[in-house]
Amino acid sequence: MAAWQPSGLVDFGYLEGFTAGDRRVIDEVLTLFRQQAQLWAGSLGAADPNWRDVVHTIKGSARGVGANALGDVCARAEVDGEASLPAVLTALEATVTEIAAYQARD
């Protein structure tokens, strides 16, 4: 089986440094992010009146775990408006996939 290779969507080194490499803490933080992502995804539609708040929350949470690409997509969506929501959802899904692969490695 080939070793896991990060795609670069998430800077796991940032999170590892922030947590002093504590794998238990890293796993807890990433599991929480993945759980929250399921909830956020349901609010990423223009029909949801709170979508801007959700995008802002995702932006902060993403940057907190080193998912800067997702944070950047969210920042653009805050400016560009609801037409950017599909891009946020796509970036969120890709980030969750990357996190799941990171957690499954080794």
N, C-alpha and C. Protein backbone atom coordinates (compact mmCIF):
# COMPACT_ATOMS: atom_id res chain seq x y z
N MET A 1 0.85 -1.18 0.00
CA MET A 1 0.00 0.00 0.00
C MET A 1 0.89 1.25 0.00
N ALA A 2 0.57 2.20 -0.84
CA ALA A 2 1.35 3.43 -0.93
C ALA A 2 1.12 4.30 0.30
N ALA A 3 2.17 5.02 0.68
CA ALA A 3 2.06 5.92 1.82
C ALA A 3 1.17 7.10 1.46
N TRP A 4 0.49 7.59 2.44
CA TRP A 4 -0.39 8.75 2.25
C TRP A 4 0.44 9.96 1.88
N GLN A 5 -0.03 10.70 0.90
CA GLN A 5 0.63 11.93 0.48
C GLN A 5 -0.37 13.08 0.60
N PRO A 6 -0.04 14.12 1.35
CA PRO A 6 -0.98 15.24 1.49
C PRO A 6 -1.14 15.98 0.16
N SER A 7 -2.30 16.52 -0.05
CA SER A 7 -2.57 17.28 -1.28
C SER A 7 -2.18 18.75 -1.12
N GLY A 8 -2.00 19.19 0.11
CA GLY A 8 -1.66 20.58 0.37
C GLY A 8 -2.86 21.43 0.74
N LEU A 9 -4.05 20.85 0.76
CA LEU A 9 -5.23 21.62 1.15
C LEU A 9 -5.17 22.02 2.63
N VAL A 10 -4.52 21.19 3.42
CA VAL A 10 -4.43 21.44 4.86
C VAL A 10 -2.95 21.41 5.24
N ASP A 11 -2.53 22.40 5.98
CA ASP A 11 -1.16 22.46 6.49
C ASP A 11 -1.16 21.74 7.84
N PHE A 12 -0.97 20.43 7.76
CA PHE A 12 -1.00 19.64 8.99
C PHE A 12 0.17 19.96 9.90
N GLY A 13 1.27 20.43 9.34
CA GLY A 13 2.41 20.84 10.14
C GLY A 13 2.05 21.97 11.09
N TYR A 14 1.18 22.88 10.62
CA TYR A 14 0.71 23.97 11.48
C TYR A 14 0.00 23.41 12.70
N LEU A 15 -0.95 22.50 12.45
CA LEU A 15 -1.73 21.92 13.55
C LEU A 15 -0.83 21.08 14.46
N GLU A 16 0.08 20.34 13.88
CA GLU A 16 1.00 19.53 14.69
C GLU A 16 1.87 20.42 15.57
N GLY A 17 2.32 21.53 15.02
CA GLY A 17 3.13 22.46 15.81
C GLY A 17 2.33 23.12 16.91
N PHE A 18 1.12 23.51 16.58
CA PHE A 18 0.25 24.18 17.53
C PHE A 18 -0.09 23.29 18.72
N THR A 19 -0.19 21.98 18.45
CA THR A 19 -0.56 21.02 19.50
C THR A 19 0.64 20.29 20.07
N ALA A 20 1.84 20.75 19.72
CA ALA A 20 3.08 20.10 20.16
C ALA A 20 3.11 18.63 19.75
N GLY A 21 2.48 18.32 18.62
CA GLY A 21 2.51 16.97 18.08
C GLY A 21 1.66 15.96 18.82
N ASP A 22 0.81 16.40 19.72
CA ASP A 22 -0.03 15.49 20.50
C ASP A 22 -1.10 14.89 19.58
N ARG A 23 -0.88 13.64 19.16
CA ARG A 23 -1.77 13.00 18.20
C ARG A 23 -3.21 12.89 18.72
N ARG A 24 -3.36 12.71 20.00
CA ARG A 24 -4.70 12.60 20.58
C ARG A 24 -5.46 13.92 20.41
N VAL A 25 -4.80 15.01 20.70
CA VAL A 25 -5.43 16.32 20.56
C VAL A 25 -5.70 16.62 19.10
N ILE A 26 -4.74 16.33 18.24
CA ILE A 26 -4.92 16.55 16.81
C ILE A 26 -6.14 15.78 16.31
N ASP A 27 -6.23 14.52 16.70
CA ASP A 27 -7.36 13.69 16.27
C ASP A 27 -8.69 14.25 16.77
N GLU A 28 -8.73 14.71 18.01
CA GLU A 28 -9.96 15.28 18.57
C GLU A 28 -10.38 16.53 17.80
N VAL A 29 -9.42 17.40 17.52
CA VAL A 29 -9.71 18.65 16.81
C VAL A 29 -10.21 18.34 15.39
N LEU A 30 -9.53 17.44 14.70
CA LEU A 30 -9.93 17.13 13.33
C LEU A 30 -11.25 16.38 13.26
N THR A 31 -11.51 15.53 14.23
CA THR A 31 -12.80 14.83 14.27
C THR A 31 -13.92 15.83 14.50
N LEU A 32 -13.71 16.76 15.39
CA LEU A 32 -14.72 17.80 15.63
C LEU A 32 -14.95 18.63 14.36
N PHE A 33 -13.87 18.98 13.68
CA PHE A 33 -14.01 19.75 12.43
C PHE A 33 -14.85 18.96 11.43
N ARG A 34 -14.57 17.68 11.27
CA ARG A 34 -15.33 16.85 10.32
C ARG A 34 -16.80 16.76 10.71
N GLN A 35 -17.07 16.62 12.00
CA GLN A 35 -18.47 16.57 12.45
C GLN A 35 -19.19 17.88 12.17
N GLN A 36 -18.53 18.98 12.47
CA GLN A 36 -19.12 20.29 12.22
C GLN A 36 -19.34 20.51 10.72
N ALA A 37 -18.42 20.02 9.91
CA ALA A 37 -18.53 20.19 8.46
C ALA A 37 -19.83 19.58 7.94
N GLN A 38 -20.26 18.48 8.52
CA GLN A 38 -21.53 17.88 8.11
C GLN A 38 -22.69 18.84 8.37
N LEU A 39 -22.65 19.53 9.48
CA LEU A 39 -23.70 20.50 9.82
C LEU A 39 -23.60 21.73 8.93
N TRP A 40 -22.38 22.22 8.73
CA TRP A 40 -22.19 23.41 7.90
C TRP A 40 -22.67 23.19 6.48
N ALA A 41 -22.39 22.02 5.94
CA ALA A 41 -22.73 21.74 4.54
C ALA A 41 -24.22 21.94 4.28
N GLY A 42 -25.05 21.61 5.25
CA GLY A 42 -26.49 21.78 5.09
C GLY A 42 -26.95 23.22 5.08
N SER A 43 -26.07 24.13 5.47
CA SER A 43 -26.42 25.55 5.52
C SER A 43 -25.75 26.37 4.42
N LEU A 44 -25.15 25.68 3.47
CA LEU A 44 -24.43 26.39 2.41
C LEU A 44 -25.29 26.54 1.16
N GLY A 45 -26.50 26.97 1.37
CA GLY A 45 -27.39 27.27 0.26
C GLY A 45 -27.94 28.67 0.41
N ALA A 46 -28.19 29.30 -0.70
CA ALA A 46 -28.70 30.68 -0.67
C ALA A 46 -30.04 30.76 0.05
N ALA A 47 -30.76 29.65 0.10
CA ALA A 47 -32.05 29.64 0.78
C ALA A 47 -31.91 29.75 2.30
N ASP A 48 -30.74 29.43 2.82
CA ASP A 48 -30.51 29.53 4.25
C ASP A 48 -30.14 30.97 4.58
N PRO A 49 -30.95 31.67 5.37
CA PRO A 49 -30.68 33.07 5.65
C PRO A 49 -29.40 33.30 6.45
N ASN A 50 -28.87 32.26 7.05
CA ASN A 50 -27.67 32.39 7.88
C ASN A 50 -26.39 31.95 7.16
N TRP A 51 -26.44 31.79 5.84
CA TRP A 51 -25.28 31.26 5.13
C TRP A 51 -24.03 32.10 5.34
N ARG A 52 -24.17 33.42 5.43
CA ARG A 52 -22.98 34.27 5.63
C ARG A 52 -22.31 33.96 6.98
N ASP A 53 -23.11 33.78 8.01
CA ASP A 53 -22.56 33.43 9.32
C ASP A 53 -21.86 32.08 9.27
N VAL A 54 -22.45 31.13 8.56
CA VAL A 54 -21.86 29.80 8.43
C VAL A 54 -20.53 29.89 7.69
N VAL A 55 -20.50 30.63 6.60
CA VAL A 55 -19.26 30.79 5.84
C VAL A 55 -18.18 31.43 6.72
N HIS A 56 -18.56 32.41 7.50
CA HIS A 56 -17.60 33.07 8.39
C HIS A 56 -17.08 32.08 9.44
N THR A 57 -17.95 31.27 9.97
CA THR A 57 -17.56 30.26 10.96
C THR A 57 -16.61 29.25 10.33
N ILE A 58 -16.94 28.79 9.14
CA ILE A 58 -16.07 27.83 8.45
C ILE A 58 -14.69 28.45 8.23
N LYS A 59 -14.66 29.71 7.80
CA LYS A 59 -13.39 30.39 7.55
C LYS A 59 -12.50 30.35 8.78
N GLY A 60 -13.03 30.72 9.92
CA GLY A 60 -12.24 30.73 11.15
C GLY A 60 -11.82 29.34 11.58
N SER A 61 -12.73 28.40 11.50
CA SER A 61 -12.41 27.03 11.90
C SER A 61 -11.37 26.42 10.96
N ALA A 62 -11.53 26.69 9.67
CA ALA A 62 -10.58 26.16 8.69
C ALA A 62 -9.17 26.69 8.97
N ARG A 63 -9.07 27.96 9.18
CA ARG A 63 -7.75 28.54 9.44
C ARG A 63 -7.17 28.03 10.75
N GLY A 64 -8.04 27.73 11.70
CA GLY A 64 -7.58 27.19 12.98
C GLY A 64 -6.95 25.82 12.89
N VAL A 65 -7.34 25.03 11.87
CA VAL A 65 -6.75 23.70 11.72
C VAL A 65 -5.72 23.66 10.60
N GLY A 66 -5.44 24.80 9.98
CA GLY A 66 -4.46 24.84 8.91
C GLY A 66 -5.02 24.65 7.52
N ALA A 67 -6.35 24.71 7.39
CA ALA A 67 -7.00 24.55 6.08
C ALA A 67 -7.15 25.93 5.43
N ASN A 68 -6.02 26.52 5.11
CA ASN A 68 -6.02 27.89 4.61
C ASN A 68 -6.69 28.06 3.26
N ALA A 69 -6.59 27.05 2.40
CA ALA A 69 -7.25 27.14 1.10
C ALA A 69 -8.76 27.28 1.29
N LEU A 70 -9.34 26.51 2.19
CA LEU A 70 -10.77 26.62 2.49
C LEU A 70 -11.07 27.98 3.10
N GLY A 71 -10.22 28.43 3.98
CA GLY A 71 -10.41 29.75 4.57
C GLY A 71 -10.43 30.84 3.52
N ASP A 72 -9.56 30.72 2.53
CA ASP A 72 -9.51 31.71 1.44
C ASP A 72 -10.78 31.67 0.59
N VAL A 73 -11.28 30.48 0.31
CA VAL A 73 -12.53 30.36 -0.47
C VAL A 73 -13.67 31.01 0.30
N CYS A 74 -13.70 30.80 1.60
CA CYS A 74 -14.75 31.41 2.43
C CYS A 74 -14.63 32.93 2.45
N ALA A 75 -13.42 33.42 2.55
CA ALA A 75 -13.21 34.88 2.55
C ALA A 75 -13.72 35.49 1.24
N ARG A 76 -13.45 34.82 0.12
CA ARG A 76 -13.97 35.31 -1.16
C ARG A 76 -15.50 35.27 -1.19
N ALA A 77 -16.08 34.22 -0.63
CA ALA A 77 -17.54 34.09 -0.63
C ALA A 77 -18.18 35.19 0.21
N GLU A 78 -17.52 35.61 1.28
CA GLU A 78 -18.06 36.69 2.09
C GLU A 78 -18.18 37.98 1.28
N VAL A 79 -17.28 38.16 0.34
CA VAL A 79 -17.28 39.35 -0.50
C VAL A 79 -18.15 39.16 -1.73
N ASP A 80 -18.01 38.01 -2.38
CA ASP A 80 -18.68 37.77 -3.67
C ASP A 80 -20.15 37.39 -3.55
N GLY A 81 -20.55 36.88 -2.40
CA GLY A 81 -21.96 36.57 -2.19
C GLY A 81 -22.33 35.13 -2.47
N GLU A 82 -23.61 34.91 -2.50
CA GLU A 82 -24.17 33.55 -2.54
C GLU A 82 -23.78 32.76 -3.79
N ALA A 83 -23.41 33.42 -4.86
CA ALA A 83 -22.98 32.69 -6.06
C ALA A 83 -21.73 31.86 -5.78
N SER A 84 -21.00 32.19 -4.72
CA SER A 84 -19.77 31.48 -4.37
C SER A 84 -20.02 30.28 -3.47
N LEU A 85 -21.24 30.06 -3.05
CA LEU A 85 -21.51 28.96 -2.11
C LEU A 85 -21.15 27.58 -2.67
N PRO A 86 -21.37 27.30 -3.96
CA PRO A 86 -20.94 25.98 -4.46
C PRO A 86 -19.43 25.78 -4.32
N ALA A 87 -18.65 26.83 -4.50
CA ALA A 87 -17.20 26.72 -4.34
C ALA A 87 -16.83 26.44 -2.89
N VAL A 88 -17.56 27.04 -1.97
CA VAL A 88 -17.30 26.79 -0.54
C VAL A 88 -17.61 25.33 -0.22
N LEU A 89 -18.73 24.84 -0.71
CA LEU A 89 -19.10 23.45 -0.45
C LEU A 89 -18.07 22.49 -1.05
N THR A 90 -17.64 22.75 -2.25
CA THR A 90 -16.63 21.90 -2.90
C THR A 90 -15.33 21.91 -2.10
N ALA A 91 -14.90 23.08 -1.67
CA ALA A 91 -13.66 23.20 -0.89
C ALA A 91 -13.81 22.52 0.47
N LEU A 92 -14.98 22.65 1.08
CA LEU A 92 -15.23 22.01 2.37
C LEU A 92 -15.15 20.49 2.22
N GLU A 93 -15.78 19.97 1.20
CA GLU A 93 -15.77 18.52 0.98
C GLU A 93 -14.35 18.01 0.72
N ALA A 94 -13.58 18.75 -0.08
CA ALA A 94 -12.20 18.35 -0.37
C ALA A 94 -11.35 18.39 0.89
N THR A 95 -11.57 19.38 1.73
CA THR A 95 -10.83 19.50 2.97
C THR A 95 -11.16 18.36 3.92
N VAL A 96 -12.42 18.02 4.03
CA VAL A 96 -12.84 16.90 4.89
C VAL A 96 -12.23 15.59 4.39
N THR A 97 -12.18 15.41 3.08
CA THR A 97 -11.57 14.22 2.51
C THR A 97 -10.08 14.15 2.86
N GLU A 98 -9.40 15.29 2.75
CA GLU A 98 -7.97 15.36 3.09
C GLU A 98 -7.76 15.06 4.57
N ILE A 99 -8.60 15.60 5.42
CA ILE A 99 -8.48 15.36 6.86
C ILE A 99 -8.72 13.89 7.18
N ALA A 100 -9.73 13.29 6.56
CA ALA A 100 -10.02 11.87 6.79
C ALA A 100 -8.83 11.00 6.38
N ALA A 101 -8.20 11.35 5.26
CA ALA A 101 -7.04 10.59 4.80
C ALA A 101 -5.88 10.75 5.78
N TYR A 102 -5.68 11.94 6.29
CA TYR A 102 -4.63 12.20 7.28
C TYR A 102 -4.88 11.37 8.54
N GLN A 103 -6.13 11.36 8.99
CA GLN A 103 -6.44 10.61 10.21
C GLN A 103 -6.31 9.10 10.00
N ALA A 104 -6.48 8.63 8.79
CA ALA A 104 -6.43 7.18 8.51
C ALA A 104 -5.01 6.68 8.23
N ARG A 105 -4.06 7.59 8.09
CA ARG A 105 -2.70 7.17 7.74
C ARG A 105 -2.07 6.38 8.88
N ASP A 106 -0.98 5.75 8.56
CA ASP A 106 -0.18 4.94 9.49
C ASP A 106 -0.90 3.73 9.89
